[in-house]
């Protein structure tokens, strides 16, 4: 099975539905035999994601910069917790450790991670599948803007097509798995 990196929010102030989505995603990854690679945090969606994976018997790998460990937000229950010296090295290690990428709702950090992975894919630095879960139209404004970029030739259609959009966890995992075989 694959090591699937999931990008999501770590905010402590989110509605319960987002935490439930993260826990559902972690559990679904585990049930399908995948290893979860995450940002190594124990709070917000990131914490719920890892807890969901472990509750379903899954393996978790956290990648976290020392500065966040110092803030006591590290997922110390991870099967493997890798500590980096910076956010940039964290992203690089997450990319290296993963076979595929899944993006849940999130804020600036989540978008930063998504765009890093997507940009490197458009440059052919990797060919790992990337799926964005657009629950309840969360990402619809962003997707509309990305389509405008494509229409105006700031983003090539082939680059836009590298990101698969799904509306549910099962649809997203099925799409990832279809690209891994």
N, C-alpha and C. Protein backbone atom coordinates (compact mmCIF):
# COMPACT_ATOMS: atom_id res chain seq x y z
N UNK A 1 0.82 -1.19 0.00
CA UNK A 1 0.00 0.00 0.00
C UNK A 1 0.87 1.25 0.00
N UNK A 2 0.25 2.39 -0.07
CA UNK A 2 0.97 3.65 -0.29
C UNK A 2 1.10 4.47 0.98
N UNK A 3 2.08 5.35 0.96
CA UNK A 3 2.22 6.39 1.98
C UNK A 3 1.51 7.62 1.42
N UNK A 4 0.42 8.01 2.06
CA UNK A 4 -0.41 9.12 1.57
C UNK A 4 -0.25 10.30 2.52
N UNK A 5 0.23 11.40 1.96
CA UNK A 5 0.40 12.63 2.72
C UNK A 5 -0.91 13.41 2.66
N UNK A 6 -1.40 13.83 3.82
CA UNK A 6 -2.64 14.60 3.88
C UNK A 6 -2.33 15.99 4.43
N UNK A 7 -2.73 17.00 3.68
CA UNK A 7 -2.60 18.39 4.10
C UNK A 7 -3.96 18.84 4.65
N UNK A 8 -3.94 19.49 5.81
CA UNK A 8 -5.19 19.98 6.40
C UNK A 8 -4.88 21.00 7.49
N UNK A 9 -5.93 21.59 8.03
CA UNK A 9 -5.80 22.64 9.03
C UNK A 9 -5.37 22.09 10.39
N UNK A 10 -4.68 22.93 11.13
CA UNK A 10 -4.30 22.58 12.50
C UNK A 10 -4.95 23.52 13.51
N UNK A 11 -5.86 24.34 13.05
CA UNK A 11 -6.53 25.30 13.93
C UNK A 11 -7.32 24.59 15.03
N UNK A 12 -7.29 25.17 16.21
CA UNK A 12 -8.02 24.62 17.35
C UNK A 12 -9.45 25.15 17.43
N UNK A 13 -9.86 26.01 16.50
CA UNK A 13 -11.15 26.69 16.60
C UNK A 13 -12.12 26.30 15.48
N UNK A 14 -11.95 25.15 14.91
CA UNK A 14 -12.78 24.73 13.77
C UNK A 14 -14.09 24.11 14.21
N UNK A 15 -15.07 24.17 13.32
CA UNK A 15 -16.33 23.47 13.55
C UNK A 15 -16.07 21.97 13.62
N UNK A 16 -16.87 21.28 14.38
CA UNK A 16 -16.72 19.84 14.57
C UNK A 16 -16.78 19.07 13.25
N UNK A 17 -17.54 19.55 12.29
CA UNK A 17 -17.67 18.81 11.02
C UNK A 17 -16.33 18.66 10.31
N UNK A 18 -15.43 19.64 10.46
CA UNK A 18 -14.13 19.53 9.82
C UNK A 18 -13.25 18.52 10.56
N UNK A 19 -13.35 18.49 11.87
CA UNK A 19 -12.61 17.49 12.65
C UNK A 19 -13.11 16.09 12.31
N UNK A 20 -14.44 15.95 12.15
CA UNK A 20 -15.02 14.66 11.78
C UNK A 20 -14.54 14.21 10.40
N UNK A 21 -14.47 15.16 9.45
CA UNK A 21 -13.97 14.83 8.11
C UNK A 21 -12.53 14.33 8.19
N UNK A 22 -11.71 14.99 9.00
CA UNK A 22 -10.32 14.58 9.14
C UNK A 22 -10.22 13.18 9.76
N UNK A 23 -10.98 12.94 10.82
CA UNK A 23 -10.96 11.62 11.46
C UNK A 23 -11.43 10.54 10.49
N UNK A 24 -12.48 10.84 9.72
CA UNK A 24 -12.99 9.90 8.71
C UNK A 24 -11.91 9.61 7.67
N UNK A 25 -11.18 10.63 7.26
CA UNK A 25 -10.12 10.45 6.26
C UNK A 25 -9.01 9.55 6.81
N UNK A 26 -8.57 9.81 8.03
CA UNK A 26 -7.53 8.98 8.63
C UNK A 26 -7.97 7.53 8.74
N UNK A 27 -9.21 7.31 9.20
CA UNK A 27 -9.72 5.95 9.34
C UNK A 27 -9.83 5.26 7.97
N UNK A 28 -10.28 5.98 6.96
CA UNK A 28 -10.42 5.39 5.61
C UNK A 28 -9.05 5.01 5.05
N UNK A 29 -8.06 5.86 5.27
CA UNK A 29 -6.70 5.52 4.82
C UNK A 29 -6.23 4.23 5.48
N UNK A 30 -6.43 4.13 6.78
CA UNK A 30 -6.00 2.94 7.52
C UNK A 30 -6.73 1.69 7.05
N UNK A 31 -8.05 1.79 6.88
CA UNK A 31 -8.84 0.63 6.44
C UNK A 31 -8.39 0.13 5.07
N UNK A 32 -7.89 1.05 4.24
CA UNK A 32 -7.43 0.67 2.91
C UNK A 32 -5.95 0.26 2.91
N UNK A 33 -5.34 0.25 4.09
CA UNK A 33 -3.97 -0.24 4.22
C UNK A 33 -2.88 0.78 3.95
N UNK A 34 -3.23 2.05 3.86
CA UNK A 34 -2.24 3.09 3.57
C UNK A 34 -1.61 3.62 4.86
N UNK A 35 -0.41 4.11 4.74
CA UNK A 35 0.27 4.82 5.82
C UNK A 35 -0.06 6.29 5.69
N UNK A 36 -0.38 6.93 6.80
CA UNK A 36 -0.64 8.36 6.82
C UNK A 36 0.66 9.11 7.06
N UNK A 37 0.95 10.06 6.18
CA UNK A 37 2.03 11.02 6.39
C UNK A 37 1.35 12.36 6.62
N UNK A 38 1.69 13.03 7.71
CA UNK A 38 1.06 14.31 8.01
C UNK A 38 2.10 15.29 8.52
N UNK A 39 1.61 16.50 8.81
CA UNK A 39 2.48 17.55 9.32
C UNK A 39 2.92 17.37 10.76
N UNK A 40 2.55 16.25 11.37
CA UNK A 40 3.08 15.89 12.67
C UNK A 40 2.47 16.63 13.85
N UNK A 41 1.35 17.32 13.63
CA UNK A 41 0.71 18.03 14.72
C UNK A 41 -0.36 17.19 15.40
N UNK A 42 -0.68 17.57 16.64
CA UNK A 42 -1.69 16.84 17.42
C UNK A 42 -2.95 17.66 17.64
N UNK A 43 -3.08 18.79 16.96
CA UNK A 43 -4.21 19.68 17.17
C UNK A 43 -5.01 19.86 15.88
N UNK A 44 -6.25 20.32 16.05
CA UNK A 44 -7.10 20.61 14.90
C UNK A 44 -7.36 19.39 14.05
N UNK A 45 -7.57 19.62 12.77
CA UNK A 45 -7.83 18.54 11.84
C UNK A 45 -6.64 17.59 11.76
N UNK A 46 -5.43 18.14 11.89
CA UNK A 46 -4.24 17.30 11.80
C UNK A 46 -4.23 16.24 12.91
N UNK A 47 -4.59 16.66 14.12
CA UNK A 47 -4.66 15.71 15.23
C UNK A 47 -5.78 14.70 15.04
N UNK A 48 -6.95 15.17 14.61
CA UNK A 48 -8.09 14.27 14.38
C UNK A 48 -7.78 13.26 13.28
N UNK A 49 -7.06 13.70 12.26
CA UNK A 49 -6.65 12.83 11.15
C UNK A 49 -5.79 11.68 11.66
N UNK A 50 -4.76 12.00 12.42
CA UNK A 50 -3.85 10.98 12.95
C UNK A 50 -4.57 10.07 13.93
N UNK A 51 -5.41 10.64 14.79
CA UNK A 51 -6.16 9.83 15.74
C UNK A 51 -7.09 8.87 15.01
N UNK A 52 -7.74 9.35 13.94
CA UNK A 52 -8.63 8.50 13.16
C UNK A 52 -7.89 7.34 12.51
N UNK A 53 -6.70 7.63 11.99
CA UNK A 53 -5.89 6.57 11.37
C UNK A 53 -5.48 5.53 12.40
N UNK A 54 -5.00 5.98 13.54
CA UNK A 54 -4.56 5.03 14.57
C UNK A 54 -5.73 4.22 15.14
N UNK A 55 -6.89 4.86 15.32
CA UNK A 55 -8.07 4.16 15.84
C UNK A 55 -8.49 3.03 14.92
N UNK A 56 -8.21 3.17 13.63
CA UNK A 56 -8.55 2.13 12.65
C UNK A 56 -7.37 1.19 12.37
N UNK A 57 -6.33 1.29 13.18
CA UNK A 57 -5.19 0.37 13.06
C UNK A 57 -4.13 0.81 12.08
N UNK A 58 -4.15 2.07 11.66
CA UNK A 58 -3.20 2.54 10.67
C UNK A 58 -1.88 3.01 11.24
N UNK A 59 -0.90 3.09 10.37
CA UNK A 59 0.43 3.58 10.71
C UNK A 59 0.49 5.07 10.39
N UNK A 60 1.12 5.85 11.28
CA UNK A 60 1.22 7.29 11.09
C UNK A 60 2.66 7.76 11.13
N UNK A 61 2.99 8.64 10.21
CA UNK A 61 4.30 9.28 10.15
C UNK A 61 4.06 10.78 10.21
N UNK A 62 4.62 11.43 11.20
CA UNK A 62 4.50 12.87 11.34
C UNK A 62 5.80 13.55 10.99
N UNK A 63 5.71 14.67 10.30
CA UNK A 63 6.90 15.45 9.94
C UNK A 63 6.64 16.87 10.45
N UNK A 64 7.47 17.31 11.38
CA UNK A 64 7.19 18.58 12.06
C UNK A 64 8.49 19.35 12.32
N UNK A 65 8.47 20.66 12.15
CA UNK A 65 9.67 21.44 12.46
C UNK A 65 9.86 21.57 13.97
N UNK A 66 11.09 21.70 14.37
CA UNK A 66 11.42 21.82 15.80
C UNK A 66 10.66 22.96 16.47
N UNK A 67 10.46 24.06 15.76
CA UNK A 67 9.75 25.20 16.35
C UNK A 67 8.35 24.81 16.82
N UNK A 68 7.67 23.92 16.10
CA UNK A 68 6.34 23.48 16.51
C UNK A 68 6.42 22.43 17.62
N UNK A 69 7.48 21.64 17.62
CA UNK A 69 7.70 20.72 18.74
C UNK A 69 7.86 21.54 20.03
N UNK A 70 8.60 22.64 19.93
CA UNK A 70 8.83 23.50 21.08
C UNK A 70 7.53 24.12 21.61
N UNK A 71 6.53 24.29 20.73
CA UNK A 71 5.23 24.83 21.14
C UNK A 71 4.31 23.73 21.71
N UNK A 72 4.84 22.52 21.79
CA UNK A 72 4.12 21.37 22.35
C UNK A 72 2.88 20.99 21.56
N UNK A 73 2.98 21.05 20.24
CA UNK A 73 1.88 20.62 19.39
C UNK A 73 2.24 19.40 18.54
N UNK A 74 3.34 18.72 18.89
CA UNK A 74 3.76 17.54 18.13
C UNK A 74 2.90 16.33 18.49
N UNK A 75 2.62 15.51 17.49
CA UNK A 75 1.87 14.27 17.67
C UNK A 75 2.83 13.20 18.17
N UNK A 76 3.03 13.18 19.47
CA UNK A 76 4.00 12.26 20.07
C UNK A 76 3.55 10.80 19.99
N UNK A 77 2.29 10.57 19.63
CA UNK A 77 1.79 9.20 19.46
C UNK A 77 2.08 8.64 18.07
N UNK A 78 2.69 9.44 17.20
CA UNK A 78 3.02 8.96 15.85
C UNK A 78 3.89 7.71 15.92
N UNK A 79 3.68 6.82 14.96
CA UNK A 79 4.56 5.65 14.87
C UNK A 79 5.98 6.08 14.54
N UNK A 80 6.07 7.16 13.78
CA UNK A 80 7.37 7.73 13.42
C UNK A 80 7.19 9.24 13.40
N UNK A 81 7.97 9.96 14.19
CA UNK A 81 7.90 11.41 14.23
C UNK A 81 9.26 11.95 13.78
N UNK A 82 9.26 12.63 12.65
CA UNK A 82 10.48 13.18 12.07
C UNK A 82 10.50 14.68 12.32
N UNK A 83 11.57 15.17 12.94
CA UNK A 83 11.68 16.57 13.29
C UNK A 83 12.67 17.24 12.35
N UNK A 84 12.21 18.34 11.73
CA UNK A 84 13.04 19.08 10.78
C UNK A 84 13.46 20.41 11.39
N UNK A 85 14.36 21.10 10.69
CA UNK A 85 14.84 22.39 11.20
C UNK A 85 14.02 23.58 10.70
N UNK A 86 13.12 23.34 9.72
CA UNK A 86 12.34 24.46 9.18
C UNK A 86 11.07 23.96 8.50
N UNK A 87 10.17 24.89 8.22
CA UNK A 87 8.95 24.55 7.49
C UNK A 87 9.30 24.09 6.08
N UNK A 88 10.29 24.72 5.46
CA UNK A 88 10.68 24.35 4.10
C UNK A 88 11.21 22.92 4.05
N UNK A 89 12.05 22.56 5.01
CA UNK A 89 12.58 21.19 5.01
C UNK A 89 11.48 20.19 5.38
N UNK A 90 10.50 20.63 6.15
CA UNK A 90 9.35 19.77 6.45
C UNK A 90 8.63 19.40 5.17
N UNK A 91 8.33 20.40 4.32
CA UNK A 91 7.63 20.12 3.07
C UNK A 91 8.43 19.17 2.18
N UNK A 92 9.72 19.41 2.08
CA UNK A 92 10.58 18.56 1.25
C UNK A 92 10.54 17.12 1.74
N UNK A 93 10.64 16.93 3.05
CA UNK A 93 10.63 15.57 3.60
C UNK A 93 9.25 14.92 3.43
N UNK A 94 8.19 15.69 3.59
CA UNK A 94 6.85 15.13 3.37
C UNK A 94 6.69 14.66 1.92
N UNK A 95 7.19 15.43 0.99
CA UNK A 95 7.12 15.04 -0.42
C UNK A 95 7.93 13.77 -0.65
N UNK A 96 9.13 13.72 -0.10
CA UNK A 96 10.00 12.56 -0.28
C UNK A 96 9.41 11.29 0.33
N UNK A 97 8.73 11.41 1.45
CA UNK A 97 8.20 10.25 2.19
C UNK A 97 6.88 9.74 1.64
N UNK A 98 6.27 10.46 0.69
CA UNK A 98 4.90 10.15 0.25
C UNK A 98 4.84 9.66 -1.18
N UNK A 99 3.83 8.81 -1.41
CA UNK A 99 3.54 8.30 -2.75
C UNK A 99 2.39 9.04 -3.41
N UNK A 100 1.60 9.75 -2.60
CA UNK A 100 0.43 10.46 -3.10
C UNK A 100 0.06 11.55 -2.09
N UNK A 101 -0.78 12.51 -2.55
CA UNK A 101 -1.14 13.65 -1.71
C UNK A 101 -2.64 13.88 -1.75
N UNK A 102 -3.17 14.17 -0.58
CA UNK A 102 -4.59 14.44 -0.42
C UNK A 102 -4.72 15.75 0.35
N UNK A 103 -5.55 16.66 -0.14
CA UNK A 103 -5.74 17.94 0.54
C UNK A 103 -7.17 18.06 1.03
N UNK A 104 -7.30 18.28 2.33
CA UNK A 104 -8.57 18.54 2.98
C UNK A 104 -8.72 20.05 3.15
N UNK A 105 -9.86 20.53 3.62
CA UNK A 105 -9.98 21.96 3.89
C UNK A 105 -8.89 22.46 4.85
N UNK A 106 -8.47 23.66 4.61
CA UNK A 106 -7.44 24.26 5.45
C UNK A 106 -7.20 25.70 5.06
N UNK A 107 -6.25 26.30 5.71
CA UNK A 107 -5.93 27.71 5.49
C UNK A 107 -4.64 27.89 4.72
N UNK A 108 -3.89 28.91 5.10
CA UNK A 108 -2.67 29.27 4.36
C UNK A 108 -1.64 28.15 4.34
N UNK A 109 -1.42 27.51 5.47
CA UNK A 109 -0.43 26.43 5.51
C UNK A 109 -0.81 25.28 4.60
N UNK A 110 -2.08 24.93 4.61
CA UNK A 110 -2.57 23.85 3.75
C UNK A 110 -2.39 24.22 2.28
N UNK A 111 -2.75 25.45 1.94
CA UNK A 111 -2.59 25.90 0.55
C UNK A 111 -1.13 25.96 0.15
N UNK A 112 -0.26 26.39 1.06
CA UNK A 112 1.18 26.42 0.79
C UNK A 112 1.68 25.02 0.45
N UNK A 113 1.26 24.03 1.22
CA UNK A 113 1.69 22.66 0.98
C UNK A 113 1.14 22.14 -0.35
N UNK A 114 -0.15 22.38 -0.59
CA UNK A 114 -0.75 21.96 -1.86
C UNK A 114 -0.01 22.57 -3.04
N UNK A 115 0.21 23.88 -3.00
CA UNK A 115 0.84 24.54 -4.14
C UNK A 115 2.30 24.12 -4.32
N UNK A 116 3.00 23.84 -3.24
CA UNK A 116 4.38 23.32 -3.35
C UNK A 116 4.40 22.00 -4.10
N UNK A 117 3.52 21.08 -3.69
CA UNK A 117 3.47 19.76 -4.33
C UNK A 117 3.00 19.88 -5.77
N UNK A 118 2.02 20.71 -6.00
CA UNK A 118 1.48 20.88 -7.35
C UNK A 118 2.49 21.55 -8.27
N UNK A 119 3.16 22.57 -7.79
CA UNK A 119 4.18 23.26 -8.60
C UNK A 119 5.29 22.31 -9.00
N UNK A 120 5.78 21.51 -8.04
CA UNK A 120 6.87 20.59 -8.36
C UNK A 120 6.40 19.51 -9.34
N UNK A 121 5.11 19.16 -9.28
CA UNK A 121 4.58 18.20 -10.25
C UNK A 121 4.53 18.81 -11.65
N UNK A 122 4.13 20.08 -11.74
CA UNK A 122 4.08 20.72 -13.07
C UNK A 122 5.48 20.84 -13.68
N UNK A 123 6.49 20.88 -12.83
CA UNK A 123 7.88 20.94 -13.30
C UNK A 123 8.46 19.55 -13.54
N UNK A 124 7.62 18.53 -13.42
CA UNK A 124 8.01 17.13 -13.62
C UNK A 124 9.08 16.67 -12.62
N UNK A 125 9.07 17.26 -11.42
CA UNK A 125 10.00 16.83 -10.38
C UNK A 125 9.45 15.61 -9.63
N UNK A 126 8.17 15.34 -9.81
CA UNK A 126 7.55 14.10 -9.33
C UNK A 126 6.28 13.87 -10.15
N UNK A 127 5.80 12.64 -10.10
CA UNK A 127 4.56 12.31 -10.82
C UNK A 127 3.56 11.65 -9.87
N UNK A 128 3.59 12.08 -8.63
CA UNK A 128 2.72 11.50 -7.61
C UNK A 128 1.32 12.12 -7.71
N UNK A 129 0.29 11.28 -7.56
CA UNK A 129 -1.07 11.81 -7.68
C UNK A 129 -1.43 12.77 -6.55
N UNK A 130 -2.27 13.74 -6.90
CA UNK A 130 -2.72 14.77 -5.96
C UNK A 130 -4.23 14.90 -6.09
N UNK A 131 -4.93 14.80 -4.96
CA UNK A 131 -6.38 14.93 -4.96
C UNK A 131 -6.78 15.94 -3.89
N UNK A 132 -7.68 16.82 -4.28
CA UNK A 132 -8.23 17.83 -3.39
C UNK A 132 -9.67 17.44 -3.08
N UNK A 133 -10.02 17.37 -1.79
CA UNK A 133 -11.40 17.07 -1.42
C UNK A 133 -12.14 18.38 -1.24
N UNK A 134 -13.12 18.59 -2.10
CA UNK A 134 -13.92 19.82 -2.09
C UNK A 134 -15.25 19.57 -1.38
N UNK A 135 -15.19 19.33 -0.09
CA UNK A 135 -16.38 19.08 0.71
C UNK A 135 -17.25 20.33 0.76
N UNK A 136 -18.51 20.16 0.44
CA UNK A 136 -19.50 21.25 0.52
C UNK A 136 -19.07 22.50 -0.24
N UNK A 137 -18.29 22.33 -1.31
CA UNK A 137 -17.86 23.47 -2.11
C UNK A 137 -16.83 24.35 -1.43
N UNK A 138 -16.14 23.83 -0.41
CA UNK A 138 -15.15 24.61 0.33
C UNK A 138 -14.13 25.27 -0.60
N UNK A 139 -13.65 24.50 -1.57
CA UNK A 139 -12.61 25.00 -2.48
C UNK A 139 -13.17 25.56 -3.79
N UNK A 140 -14.48 25.63 -3.96
CA UNK A 140 -15.06 26.08 -5.24
C UNK A 140 -14.52 27.45 -5.66
N UNK A 141 -14.44 28.47 -4.79
CA UNK A 141 -13.89 29.77 -5.24
C UNK A 141 -12.44 29.64 -5.74
N UNK A 142 -11.64 28.85 -5.06
CA UNK A 142 -10.26 28.65 -5.49
C UNK A 142 -10.22 27.93 -6.84
N UNK A 143 -11.04 26.92 -7.01
CA UNK A 143 -11.06 26.18 -8.27
C UNK A 143 -11.53 27.06 -9.42
N UNK A 144 -12.49 27.91 -9.16
CA UNK A 144 -12.93 28.86 -10.19
C UNK A 144 -11.79 29.78 -10.59
N UNK A 145 -11.05 30.27 -9.62
CA UNK A 145 -9.91 31.14 -9.91
C UNK A 145 -8.84 30.39 -10.70
N UNK A 146 -8.58 29.14 -10.33
CA UNK A 146 -7.59 28.35 -11.06
C UNK A 146 -8.03 28.11 -12.50
N UNK A 147 -9.32 27.92 -12.71
CA UNK A 147 -9.83 27.78 -14.08
C UNK A 147 -9.62 29.07 -14.86
N UNK A 148 -9.78 30.21 -14.19
CA UNK A 148 -9.52 31.51 -14.84
C UNK A 148 -8.04 31.62 -15.22
N UNK A 149 -7.15 31.17 -14.33
CA UNK A 149 -5.72 31.17 -14.66
C UNK A 149 -5.45 30.35 -15.91
N UNK A 150 -6.12 29.21 -16.00
CA UNK A 150 -5.95 28.34 -17.16
C UNK A 150 -6.51 29.02 -18.41
N UNK A 151 -7.69 29.59 -18.30
CA UNK A 151 -8.32 30.27 -19.43
C UNK A 151 -7.43 31.41 -19.95
N UNK A 152 -6.75 32.10 -19.04
CA UNK A 152 -5.90 33.23 -19.42
C UNK A 152 -4.45 32.82 -19.69
N UNK A 153 -4.19 31.52 -19.69
CA UNK A 153 -2.90 30.93 -20.05
C UNK A 153 -1.78 31.19 -19.04
N UNK A 154 -2.15 31.48 -17.80
CA UNK A 154 -1.14 31.55 -16.74
C UNK A 154 -0.82 30.16 -16.22
N UNK A 155 -1.72 29.22 -16.44
CA UNK A 155 -1.58 27.83 -16.03
C UNK A 155 -1.97 26.97 -17.22
N UNK A 156 -1.07 26.10 -17.62
CA UNK A 156 -1.36 25.22 -18.75
C UNK A 156 -2.44 24.22 -18.37
N UNK A 157 -3.31 23.88 -19.31
CA UNK A 157 -4.35 22.88 -19.01
C UNK A 157 -3.76 21.57 -18.46
N UNK A 158 -2.62 21.15 -18.98
CA UNK A 158 -1.99 19.92 -18.49
C UNK A 158 -1.59 20.06 -17.02
N UNK A 159 -1.17 21.24 -16.63
CA UNK A 159 -0.83 21.49 -15.23
C UNK A 159 -2.08 21.49 -14.35
N UNK A 160 -3.14 22.09 -14.84
CA UNK A 160 -4.41 22.12 -14.10
C UNK A 160 -4.93 20.71 -13.92
N UNK A 161 -4.76 19.88 -14.94
CA UNK A 161 -5.28 18.51 -14.91
C UNK A 161 -4.52 17.60 -13.95
N UNK A 162 -3.37 18.04 -13.46
CA UNK A 162 -2.62 17.22 -12.50
C UNK A 162 -3.33 17.12 -11.15
N UNK A 163 -4.19 18.06 -10.86
CA UNK A 163 -4.92 18.05 -9.59
C UNK A 163 -6.32 17.50 -9.83
N UNK A 164 -6.62 16.38 -9.19
CA UNK A 164 -7.94 15.78 -9.26
C UNK A 164 -8.78 16.35 -8.12
N UNK A 165 -10.04 16.64 -8.41
CA UNK A 165 -10.94 17.16 -7.40
C UNK A 165 -12.00 16.10 -7.11
N UNK A 166 -12.21 15.83 -5.82
CA UNK A 166 -13.21 14.85 -5.39
C UNK A 166 -14.13 15.51 -4.38
N UNK A 167 -15.32 14.97 -4.24
CA UNK A 167 -16.27 15.55 -3.30
C UNK A 167 -16.40 14.75 -2.01
N UNK A 168 -15.78 13.57 -1.96
CA UNK A 168 -15.87 12.74 -0.75
C UNK A 168 -14.54 12.02 -0.52
N UNK A 169 -14.39 11.51 0.69
CA UNK A 169 -13.17 10.78 1.04
C UNK A 169 -13.04 9.53 0.17
N UNK A 170 -14.11 8.76 0.04
CA UNK A 170 -14.04 7.53 -0.76
C UNK A 170 -13.69 7.83 -2.21
N UNK A 171 -14.31 8.86 -2.78
CA UNK A 171 -14.01 9.24 -4.16
C UNK A 171 -12.54 9.65 -4.29
N UNK A 172 -12.05 10.39 -3.31
CA UNK A 172 -10.65 10.85 -3.34
C UNK A 172 -9.68 9.67 -3.26
N UNK A 173 -9.93 8.75 -2.35
CA UNK A 173 -9.01 7.61 -2.21
C UNK A 173 -9.07 6.69 -3.42
N UNK A 174 -10.24 6.52 -4.00
CA UNK A 174 -10.34 5.72 -5.22
C UNK A 174 -9.55 6.37 -6.35
N UNK A 175 -9.63 7.70 -6.46
CA UNK A 175 -8.86 8.41 -7.49
C UNK A 175 -7.36 8.27 -7.25
N UNK A 176 -6.93 8.43 -6.00
CA UNK A 176 -5.49 8.26 -5.70
C UNK A 176 -5.03 6.86 -6.05
N UNK A 177 -5.79 5.87 -5.61
CA UNK A 177 -5.39 4.49 -5.85
C UNK A 177 -5.35 4.14 -7.33
N UNK A 178 -6.23 4.73 -8.11
CA UNK A 178 -6.23 4.45 -9.56
C UNK A 178 -4.95 4.96 -10.22
N UNK A 179 -4.36 6.00 -9.66
CA UNK A 179 -3.11 6.54 -10.21
C UNK A 179 -1.87 5.83 -9.67
N UNK A 180 -2.04 5.08 -8.61
CA UNK A 180 -0.89 4.38 -8.00
C UNK A 180 -0.65 3.01 -8.60
N UNK A 181 -1.64 2.46 -9.28
CA UNK A 181 -1.50 1.09 -9.81
C UNK A 181 -0.82 1.06 -11.15
